[in-house]
Amino acid sequence: MTGYNDNVEMQIIQVLDKIRPFIQRDGGDCRLVKYEEGVVYIKFYGACVGCAIIDTTLYDGIESILKEEIPEVVKVVNVDAIEEQEFDIENN
């Protein structure tokens, strides 16, 4: 099953790599934290942190595109909205 998740994670990263330049243009960034059971966990950086329209970016943008391009994706979650400690996120 790990190989399957690795394949889906690679697809997610490829889609995020297409989206990220638009987010970076406004001073923000995002990256995949993990993919688990249809849920994509995303971490935001820079201008995205505390942005008033982050939910629009997340749900109407990122989630919509990921669900359209990768049928296995059922939901996208902003890890800033939950406890980051659960995910052992490295600050790079």
PDB file of N, CA and C in Angstrom:
ATOM      1  N   MET A   1       0.818  -1.206   0.000  1.00  0.00           N
ATOM      2  CA  MET A   1       0.000   0.000   0.000  1.00  0.00           C
ATOM      3  C   MET A   1       0.855   1.261   0.000  1.00  0.00           C
ATOM      4  N   THR A   2       2.070   1.149   0.520  1.00  0.00           N
ATOM      5  CA  THR A   2       2.953   2.312   0.546  1.00  0.00           C
ATOM      6  C   THR A   2       3.249   2.806  -0.861  1.00  0.00           C
ATOM      7  N   GLY A   3       3.488   1.894  -1.792  1.00  0.00           N
ATOM      8  CA  GLY A   3       3.755   2.286  -3.170  1.00  0.00           C
ATOM      9  C   GLY A   3       2.613   3.071  -3.768  1.00  0.00           C
ATOM     10  N   TYR A   4       1.390   2.660  -3.450  1.00  0.00           N
ATOM     11  CA  TYR A   4       0.201   3.353  -3.937  1.00  0.00           C
ATOM     12  C   TYR A   4       0.170   4.782  -3.408  1.00  0.00           C
ATOM     13  N   ASN A   5       0.368   4.957  -2.102  1.00  0.00           N
ATOM     14  CA  ASN A   5       0.384   6.300  -1.511  1.00  0.00           C
ATOM     15  C   ASN A   5       1.508   7.140  -2.083  1.00  0.00           C
ATOM     16  N   ASP A   6       2.673   6.519  -2.306  1.00  0.00           N
ATOM     17  CA  ASP A   6       3.801   7.251  -2.892  1.00  0.00           C
ATOM     18  C   ASP A   6       3.446   7.781  -4.273  1.00  0.00           C
ATOM     19  N   ASN A   7       2.739   6.973  -5.063  1.00  0.00           N
ATOM     20  CA  ASN A   7       2.329   7.389  -6.396  1.00  0.00           C
ATOM     21  C   ASN A   7       1.353   8.561  -6.325  1.00  0.00           C
ATOM     22  N   VAL A   8       0.386   8.478  -5.425  1.00  0.00           N
ATOM     23  CA  VAL A   8      -0.588   9.567  -5.272  1.00  0.00           C
ATOM     24  C   VAL A   8       0.124  10.825  -4.769  1.00  0.00           C
ATOM     25  N   GLU A   9       1.048  10.669  -3.822  1.00  0.00           N
ATOM     26  CA  GLU A   9       1.801  11.824  -3.313  1.00  0.00           C
ATOM     27  C   GLU A   9       2.595  12.494  -4.426  1.00  0.00           C
ATOM     28  N   MET A  10       3.188  11.703  -5.304  1.00  0.00           N
ATOM     29  CA  MET A  10       3.938  12.283  -6.429  1.00  0.00           C
ATOM     30  C   MET A  10       3.009  13.071  -7.347  1.00  0.00           C
ATOM     31  N   GLN A  11       1.824  12.544  -7.592  1.00  0.00           N
ATOM     32  CA  GLN A  11       0.840  13.267  -8.408  1.00  0.00           C
ATOM     33  C   GLN A  11       0.436  14.578  -7.733  1.00  0.00           C
ATOM     34  N   ILE A  12       0.232  14.536  -6.429  1.00  0.00           N
ATOM     35  CA  ILE A  12      -0.145  15.737  -5.672  1.00  0.00           C
ATOM     36  C   ILE A  12       0.957  16.782  -5.779  1.00  0.00           C
ATOM     37  N   ILE A  13       2.190  16.362  -5.602  1.00  0.00           N
ATOM     38  CA  ILE A  13       3.331  17.285  -5.692  1.00  0.00           C
ATOM     39  C   ILE A  13       3.401  17.907  -7.083  1.00  0.00           C
ATOM     40  N   GLN A  14       3.174  17.116  -8.115  1.00  0.00           N
ATOM     41  CA  GLN A  14       3.207  17.643  -9.485  1.00  0.00           C
ATOM     42  C   GLN A  14       2.127  18.696  -9.698  1.00  0.00           C
ATOM     43  N   VAL A  15       0.936  18.454  -9.173  1.00  0.00           N
ATOM     44  CA  VAL A  15      -0.146  19.436  -9.310  1.00  0.00           C
ATOM     45  C   VAL A  15       0.181  20.687  -8.490  1.00  0.00           C
ATOM     46  N   LEU A  16       0.653  20.502  -7.265  1.00  0.00           N
ATOM     47  CA  LEU A  16       1.025  21.663  -6.446  1.00  0.00           C
ATOM     48  C   LEU A  16       2.119  22.491  -7.115  1.00  0.00           C
ATOM     49  N   ASP A  17       3.050  21.827  -7.778  1.00  0.00           N
ATOM     50  CA  ASP A  17       4.122  22.549  -8.478  1.00  0.00           C
ATOM     51  C   ASP A  17       3.582  23.438  -9.594  1.00  0.00           C
ATOM     52  N   LYS A  18       2.421  23.096 -10.142  1.00  0.00           N
ATOM     53  CA  LYS A  18       1.785  23.946 -11.154  1.00  0.00           C
ATOM     54  C   LYS A  18       1.068  25.128 -10.513  1.00  0.00           C
ATOM     55  N   ILE A  19       0.569  24.938  -9.289  1.00  0.00           N
ATOM     56  CA  ILE A  19      -0.200  25.964  -8.589  1.00  0.00           C
ATOM     57  C   ILE A  19       0.706  26.950  -7.845  1.00  0.00           C
ATOM     58  N   ARG A  20       1.793  26.447  -7.280  1.00  0.00           N
ATOM     59  CA  ARG A  20       2.648  27.245  -6.393  1.00  0.00           C
ATOM     60  C   ARG A  20       3.134  28.564  -6.984  1.00  0.00           C
ATOM     61  N   PRO A  21       3.487  28.657  -8.268  1.00  0.00           N
ATOM     62  CA  PRO A  21       3.939  29.967  -8.788  1.00  0.00           C
ATOM     63  C   PRO A  21       2.911  31.076  -8.615  1.00  0.00           C
ATOM     64  N   PHE A  22       1.642  30.735  -8.692  1.00  0.00           N
ATOM     65  CA  PHE A  22       0.588  31.753  -8.510  1.00  0.00           C
ATOM     66  C   PHE A  22       0.528  32.206  -7.056  1.00  0.00           C
ATOM     67  N   ILE A  23       0.724  31.283  -6.148  1.00  0.00           N
ATOM     68  CA  ILE A  23       0.734  31.617  -4.724  1.00  0.00           C
ATOM     69  C   ILE A  23       2.001  32.406  -4.379  1.00  0.00           C
ATOM     70  N   GLN A  24       3.121  31.992  -4.943  1.00  0.00           N
ATOM     71  CA  GLN A  24       4.400  32.667  -4.692  1.00  0.00           C
ATOM     72  C   GLN A  24       4.400  34.091  -5.230  1.00  0.00           C
ATOM     73  N   ARG A  25       3.658  34.317  -6.287  1.00  0.00           N
ATOM     74  CA  ARG A  25       3.585  35.657  -6.876  1.00  0.00           C
ATOM     75  C   ARG A  25       3.024  36.672  -5.880  1.00  0.00           C
ATOM     76  N   ASP A  26       2.213  36.185  -4.940  1.00  0.00           N
ATOM     77  CA  ASP A  26       1.642  37.053  -3.909  1.00  0.00           C
ATOM     78  C   ASP A  26       2.400  36.979  -2.593  1.00  0.00           C
ATOM     79  N   GLY A  27       3.594  36.360  -2.616  1.00  0.00           N
ATOM     80  CA  GLY A  27       4.432  36.319  -1.424  1.00  0.00           C
ATOM     81  C   GLY A  27       4.204  35.139  -0.505  1.00  0.00           C
ATOM     82  N   GLY A  28       3.421  34.181  -0.944  1.00  0.00           N
ATOM     83  CA  GLY A  28       3.160  33.007  -0.130  1.00  0.00           C
ATOM     84  C   GLY A  28       3.748  31.749  -0.735  1.00  0.00           C
ATOM     85  N   ASP A  29       3.485  30.642  -0.106  1.00  0.00           N
ATOM     86  CA  ASP A  29       3.922  29.352  -0.624  1.00  0.00           C
ATOM     87  C   ASP A  29       3.167  28.261   0.124  1.00  0.00           C
ATOM     88  N   CYS A  30       3.227  27.050  -0.402  1.00  0.00           N
ATOM     89  CA  CYS A  30       2.607  25.910   0.252  1.00  0.00           C
ATOM     90  C   CYS A  30       3.387  24.657  -0.102  1.00  0.00           C
ATOM     91  N   ARG A  31       3.205  23.632   0.731  1.00  0.00           N
ATOM     92  CA  ARG A  31       3.819  22.346   0.415  1.00  0.00           C
ATOM     93  C   ARG A  31       2.979  21.226   1.012  1.00  0.00           C
ATOM     94  N   LEU A  32       3.155  20.063   0.438  1.00  0.00           N
ATOM     95  CA  LEU A  32       2.478  18.870   0.923  1.00  0.00           C
ATOM     96  C   LEU A  32       3.134  18.409   2.210  1.00  0.00           C
ATOM     97  N   VAL A  33       2.338  18.183   3.233  1.00  0.00           N
ATOM     98  CA  VAL A  33       2.838  17.618   4.484  1.00  0.00           C
ATOM     99  C   VAL A  33       2.708  16.099   4.421  1.00  0.00           C
ATOM    100  N   LYS A  34       1.489  15.653   4.065  1.00  0.00           N
ATOM    101  CA  LYS A  34       1.277  14.223   3.895  1.00  0.00           C
ATOM    102  C   LYS A  34      -0.040  13.978   3.175  1.00  0.00           C
ATOM    103  N   TYR A  35      -0.180  12.756   2.680  1.00  0.00           N
ATOM    104  CA  TYR A  35      -1.419  12.294   2.076  1.00  0.00           C
ATOM    105  C   TYR A  35      -1.813  11.028   2.814  1.00  0.00           C
ATOM    106  N   GLU A  36      -3.075  10.966   3.256  1.00  0.00           N
ATOM    107  CA  GLU A  36      -3.514   9.816   4.025  1.00  0.00           C
ATOM    108  C   GLU A  36      -5.008   9.596   3.819  1.00  0.00           C
ATOM    109  N   GLU A  37      -5.362   8.427   3.328  1.00  0.00           N
ATOM    110  CA  GLU A  37      -6.766   8.026   3.177  1.00  0.00           C
ATOM    111  C   GLU A  37      -7.616   9.076   2.465  1.00  0.00           C
ATOM    112  N   GLY A  38      -7.116   9.594   1.354  1.00  0.00           N
ATOM    113  CA  GLY A  38      -7.866  10.559   0.556  1.00  0.00           C
ATOM    114  C   GLY A  38      -7.742  12.000   0.996  1.00  0.00           C
ATOM    115  N   VAL A  39      -7.064  12.240   2.109  1.00  0.00           N
ATOM    116  CA  VAL A  39      -6.927  13.591   2.645  1.00  0.00           C
ATOM    117  C   VAL A  39      -5.510  14.111   2.393  1.00  0.00           C
ATOM    118  N   VAL A  40      -5.432  15.309   1.815  1.00  0.00           N
ATOM    119  CA  VAL A  40      -4.162  15.981   1.542  1.00  0.00           C
ATOM    120  C   VAL A  40      -3.960  17.041   2.618  1.00  0.00           C
ATOM    121  N   TYR A  41      -2.834  16.970   3.313  1.00  0.00           N
ATOM    122  CA  TYR A  41      -2.499  17.939   4.361  1.00  0.00           C
ATOM    123  C   TYR A  41      -1.480  18.918   3.794  1.00  0.00           C
ATOM    124  N   ILE A  42      -1.840  20.206   3.792  1.00  0.00           N
ATOM    125  CA  ILE A  42      -1.038  21.268   3.191  1.00  0.00           C
ATOM    126  C   ILE A  42      -0.560  22.233   4.276  1.00  0.00           C
ATOM    127  N   LYS A  43       0.676  22.671   4.158  1.00  0.00           N
ATOM    128  CA  LYS A  43       1.257  23.696   5.042  1.00  0.00           C
ATOM    129  C   LYS A  43       1.480  24.951   4.216  1.00  0.00           C
ATOM    130  N   PHE A  44       1.026  26.094   4.721  1.00  0.00           N
ATOM    131  CA  PHE A  44       1.212  27.376   4.046  1.00  0.00           C
ATOM    132  C   PHE A  44       2.332  28.164   4.705  1.00  0.00           C
ATOM    133  N   TYR A  45       2.990  29.012   3.909  1.00  0.00           N
ATOM    134  CA  TYR A  45       4.114  29.829   4.365  1.00  0.00           C
ATOM    135  C   TYR A  45       3.966  31.262   3.862  1.00  0.00           C
ATOM    136  N   GLY A  46       4.790  32.139   4.413  1.00  0.00           N
ATOM    137  CA  GLY A  46       4.873  33.518   3.941  1.00  0.00           C
ATOM    138  C   GLY A  46       3.570  34.269   4.090  1.00  0.00           C
ATOM    139  N   ALA A  47       3.209  34.999   3.040  1.00  0.00           N
ATOM    140  CA  ALA A  47       2.022  35.847   3.073  1.00  0.00           C
ATOM    141  C   ALA A  47       0.729  35.058   3.249  1.00  0.00           C
ATOM    142  N   CYS A  48       0.766  33.767   2.998  1.00  0.00           N
ATOM    143  CA  CYS A  48      -0.448  32.942   3.175  1.00  0.00           C
ATOM    144  C   CYS A  48      -0.838  32.818   4.647  1.00  0.00           C
ATOM    145  N   VAL A  49       0.153  32.843   5.522  1.00  0.00           N
ATOM    146  CA  VAL A  49      -0.111  32.683   6.951  1.00  0.00           C
ATOM    147  C   VAL A  49      -0.884  33.907   7.444  1.00  0.00           C
ATOM    148  N   GLY A  50      -2.073  33.680   7.937  1.00  0.00           N
ATOM    149  CA  GLY A  50      -2.901  34.771   8.436  1.00  0.00           C
ATOM    150  C   GLY A  50      -3.672  35.525   7.364  1.00  0.00           C
ATOM    151  N   CYS A  51      -3.566  35.103   6.111  1.00  0.00           N
ATOM    152  CA  CYS A  51      -4.258  35.779   5.015  1.00  0.00           C
ATOM    153  C   CYS A  51      -5.770  35.582   5.147  1.00  0.00           C
ATOM    154  N   ALA A  52      -6.513  36.635   4.888  1.00  0.00           N
ATOM    155  CA  ALA A  52      -7.965  36.595   5.029  1.00  0.00           C
ATOM    156  C   ALA A  52      -8.638  35.691   3.992  1.00  0.00           C
ATOM    157  N   ILE A  53      -7.995  35.456   2.861  1.00  0.00           N
ATOM    158  CA  ILE A  53      -8.631  34.634   1.821  1.00  0.00           C
ATOM    159  C   ILE A  53      -7.966  33.262   1.674  1.00  0.00           C
ATOM    160  N   ILE A  54      -7.275  32.803   2.718  1.00  0.00           N
ATOM    161  CA  ILE A  54      -6.603  31.511   2.636  1.00  0.00           C
ATOM    162  C   ILE A  54      -7.594  30.379   2.405  1.00  0.00           C
ATOM    163  N   ASP A  55      -8.786  30.454   2.984  1.00  0.00           N
ATOM    164  CA  ASP A  55      -9.779  29.396   2.770  1.00  0.00           C
ATOM    165  C   ASP A  55     -10.226  29.338   1.308  1.00  0.00           C
ATOM    166  N   THR A  56     -10.347  30.480   0.676  1.00  0.00           N
ATOM    167  CA  THR A  56     -10.697  30.520  -0.742  1.00  0.00           C
ATOM    168  C   THR A  56      -9.599  29.883  -1.569  1.00  0.00           C
ATOM    169  N   THR A  57      -8.354  30.233  -1.270  1.00  0.00           N
ATOM    170  CA  THR A  57      -7.217  29.637  -1.973  1.00  0.00           C
ATOM    171  C   THR A  57      -7.195  28.126  -1.770  1.00  0.00           C
ATOM    172  N   LEU A  58      -7.421  27.702  -0.532  1.00  0.00           N
ATOM    173  CA  LEU A  58      -7.357  26.284  -0.201  1.00  0.00           C
ATOM    174  C   LEU A  58      -8.485  25.489  -0.857  1.00  0.00           C
ATOM    175  N   TYR A  59      -9.729  25.919  -0.660  1.00  0.00           N
ATOM    176  CA  TYR A  59     -10.862  25.109  -1.097  1.00  0.00           C
ATOM    177  C   TYR A  59     -11.267  25.361  -2.545  1.00  0.00           C
ATOM    178  N   ASP A  60     -11.378  26.625  -2.943  1.00  0.00           N
ATOM    179  CA  ASP A  60     -11.800  26.924  -4.311  1.00  0.00           C
ATOM    180  C   ASP A  60     -10.663  26.773  -5.312  1.00  0.00           C
ATOM    181  N   GLY A  61      -9.444  26.846  -4.829  1.00  0.00           N
ATOM    182  CA  GLY A  61      -8.286  26.709  -5.704  1.00  0.00           C
ATOM    183  C   GLY A  61      -7.645  25.340  -5.606  1.00  0.00           C
ATOM    184  N   ILE A  62      -6.850  25.149  -4.576  1.00  0.00           N
ATOM    185  CA  ILE A  62      -6.040  23.935  -4.433  1.00  0.00           C
ATOM    186  C   ILE A  62      -6.902  22.676  -4.371  1.00  0.00           C
ATOM    187  N   GLU A  63      -7.884  22.645  -3.476  1.00  0.00           N
ATOM    188  CA  GLU A  63      -8.699  21.435  -3.331  1.00  0.00           C
ATOM    189  C   GLU A  63      -9.443  21.122  -4.627  1.00  0.00           C
ATOM    190  N   SER A  64     -10.020  22.122  -5.236  1.00  0.00           N
ATOM    191  CA  SER A  64     -10.773  21.933  -6.473  1.00  0.00           C
ATOM    192  C   SER A  64      -9.896  21.338  -7.574  1.00  0.00           C
ATOM    193  N   ILE A  65      -8.710  21.882  -7.741  1.00  0.00           N
ATOM    194  CA  ILE A  65      -7.794  21.400  -8.782  1.00  0.00           C
ATOM    195  C   ILE A  65      -7.304  19.989  -8.472  1.00  0.00           C
ATOM    196  N   LEU A  66      -6.916  19.737  -7.215  1.00  0.00           N
ATOM    197  CA  LEU A  66      -6.447  18.404  -6.846  1.00  0.00           C
ATOM    198  C   LEU A  66      -7.529  17.352  -7.057  1.00  0.00           C
ATOM    199  N   LYS A  67      -8.763  17.638  -6.652  1.00  0.00           N
ATOM    200  CA  LYS A  67      -9.859  16.680  -6.811  1.00  0.00           C
ATOM    201  C   LYS A  67     -10.152  16.414  -8.288  1.00  0.00           C
ATOM    202  N   GLU A  68     -10.029  17.445  -9.100  1.00  0.00           N
ATOM    203  CA  GLU A  68     -10.281  17.297 -10.535  1.00  0.00           C
ATOM    204  C   GLU A  68      -9.203  16.437 -11.200  1.00  0.00           C
ATOM    205  N   GLU A  69      -7.962  16.627 -10.811  1.00  0.00           N
ATOM    206  CA  GLU A  69      -6.854  15.931 -11.473  1.00  0.00           C
ATOM    207  C   GLU A  69      -6.487  14.595 -10.838  1.00  0.00           C
ATOM    208  N   ILE A  70      -6.834  14.402  -9.569  1.00  0.00           N
ATOM    209  CA  ILE A  70      -6.469  13.172  -8.858  1.00  0.00           C
ATOM    210  C   ILE A  70      -7.719  12.633  -8.159  1.00  0.00           C
ATOM    211  N   PRO A  71      -8.370  11.647  -8.741  1.00  0.00           N
ATOM    212  CA  PRO A  71      -9.632  11.135  -8.189  1.00  0.00           C
ATOM    213  C   PRO A  71      -9.531  10.615  -6.749  1.00  0.00           C
ATOM    214  N   GLU A  72      -8.348  10.194  -6.327  1.00  0.00           N
ATOM    215  CA  GLU A  72      -8.170   9.669  -4.969  1.00  0.00           C
ATOM    216  C   GLU A  72      -8.305  10.744  -3.896  1.00  0.00           C
ATOM    217  N   VAL A  73      -8.130  11.995  -4.266  1.00  0.00           N
ATOM    218  CA  VAL A  73      -8.217  13.103  -3.305  1.00  0.00           C
ATOM    219  C   VAL A  73      -9.685  13.418  -3.020  1.00  0.00           C
ATOM    220  N   VAL A  74     -10.045  13.373  -1.732  1.00  0.00           N
ATOM    221  CA  VAL A  74     -11.416  13.685  -1.336  1.00  0.00           C
ATOM    222  C   VAL A  74     -11.507  14.963  -0.502  1.00  0.00           C
ATOM    223  N   LYS A  75     -10.386  15.391   0.072  1.00  0.00           N
ATOM    224  CA  LYS A  75     -10.403  16.558   0.962  1.00  0.00           C
ATOM    225  C   LYS A  75      -8.988  17.116   1.088  1.00  0.00           C
ATOM    226  N   VAL A  76      -8.901  18.431   1.285  1.00  0.00           N
ATOM    227  CA  VAL A  76      -7.619  19.090   1.542  1.00  0.00           C
ATOM    228  C   VAL A  76      -7.743  19.845   2.860  1.00  0.00           C
ATOM    229  N   VAL A  77      -6.709  19.702   3.708  1.00  0.00           N
ATOM    230  CA  VAL A  77      -6.725  20.306   5.037  1.00  0.00           C
ATOM    231  C   VAL A  77      -5.504  21.203   5.203  1.00  0.00           C
ATOM    232  N   ASN A  78      -5.723  22.383   5.757  1.00  0.00           N
ATOM    233  CA  ASN A  78      -4.645  23.307   6.108  1.00  0.00           C
ATOM    234  C   ASN A  78      -4.134  22.920   7.489  1.00  0.00           C
ATOM    235  N   VAL A  79      -2.889  22.469   7.590  1.00  0.00           N
ATOM    236  CA  VAL A  79      -2.385  22.029   8.887  1.00  0.00           C
ATOM    237  C   VAL A  79      -2.237  23.174   9.868  1.00  0.00           C
ATOM    238  N   ASP A  80      -2.228  24.415   9.388  1.00  0.00           N
ATOM    239  CA  ASP A  80      -2.193  25.556  10.303  1.00  0.00           C
ATOM    240  C   ASP A  80      -3.489  25.656  11.087  1.00  0.00           C
ATOM    241  N   ALA A  81      -4.549  25.080  10.538  1.00  0.00           N
ATOM    242  CA  ALA A  81      -5.851  25.152  11.190  1.00  0.00           C
ATOM    243  C   ALA A  81      -6.004  24.085  12.279  1.00  0.00           C
ATOM    244  N   ILE A  82      -5.055  23.175  12.354  1.00  0.00           N
ATOM    245  CA  ILE A  82      -5.055  22.143  13.395  1.00  0.00           C
ATOM    246  C   ILE A  82      -3.680  22.115  14.041  1.00  0.00           C
ATOM    247  N   GLU A  83      -3.480  21.280  14.988  1.00  0.00           N
ATOM    248  CA  GLU A  83      -2.214  21.254  15.711  1.00  0.00           C
ATOM    249  C   GLU A  83      -1.088  20.696  14.843  1.00  0.00           C
ATOM    250  N   GLU A  84      -0.088  21.507  14.541  1.00  0.00           N
ATOM    251  CA  GLU A  84       1.028  21.096  13.701  1.00  0.00           C
ATOM    252  C   GLU A  84       1.855  19.977  14.329  1.00  0.00           C
ATOM    253  N   GLN A  85       1.890  19.905  15.621  1.00  0.00           N
ATOM    254  CA  GLN A  85       2.701  18.908  16.296  1.00  0.00           C
ATOM    255  C   GLN A  85       2.332  17.483  15.886  1.00  0.00           C
ATOM    256  N   GLU A  86       1.111  17.276  15.449  1.00  0.00           N
ATOM    257  CA  GLU A  86       0.670  15.957  15.011  1.00  0.00           C
ATOM    258  C   GLU A  86       1.440  15.473  13.792  1.00  0.00           C
ATOM    259  N   PHE A  87       2.027  16.383  13.038  1.00  0.00           N
ATOM    260  CA  PHE A  87       2.607  16.039  11.757  1.00  0.00           C
ATOM    261  C   PHE A  87       4.131  16.066  11.728  1.00  0.00           C
ATOM    262  N   ASP A  88       4.793  16.382  12.836  1.00  0.00           N
ATOM    263  CA  ASP A  88       6.261  16.439  12.862  1.00  0.00           C
ATOM    264  C   ASP A  88       6.805  17.280  11.720  1.00  0.00           C
ATOM    265  N   ILE A  89       6.278  18.481  11.549  1.00  0.00           N
ATOM    266  CA  ILE A  89       6.698  19.350  10.455  1.00  0.00           C
ATOM    267  C   ILE A  89       8.072  19.942  10.761  1.00  0.00           C
ATOM    268  N   GLU A  90       8.961  19.831   9.785  1.00  0.00           N
ATOM    269  CA  GLU A  90      10.274  20.471   9.896  1.00  0.00           C
ATOM    270  C   GLU A  90      10.155  21.881   9.358  1.00  0.00           C
ATOM    271  N   ASN A  91      10.690  22.828  10.063  1.00  0.00           N
ATOM    272  CA  ASN A  91      10.715  24.213   9.569  1.00  0.00           C
ATOM    273  C   ASN A  91      11.983  24.407   8.766  1.00  0.00           C
ATOM    274  N   ASN A  92      11.801  24.542   7.447  1.00  0.00           N
ATOM    275  CA  ASN A  92      12.954  24.728   6.547  1.00  0.00           C
ATOM    276  C   ASN A  92      13.101  26.183   6.201  1.00  0.00           C
TER     277      ASN A  92
END
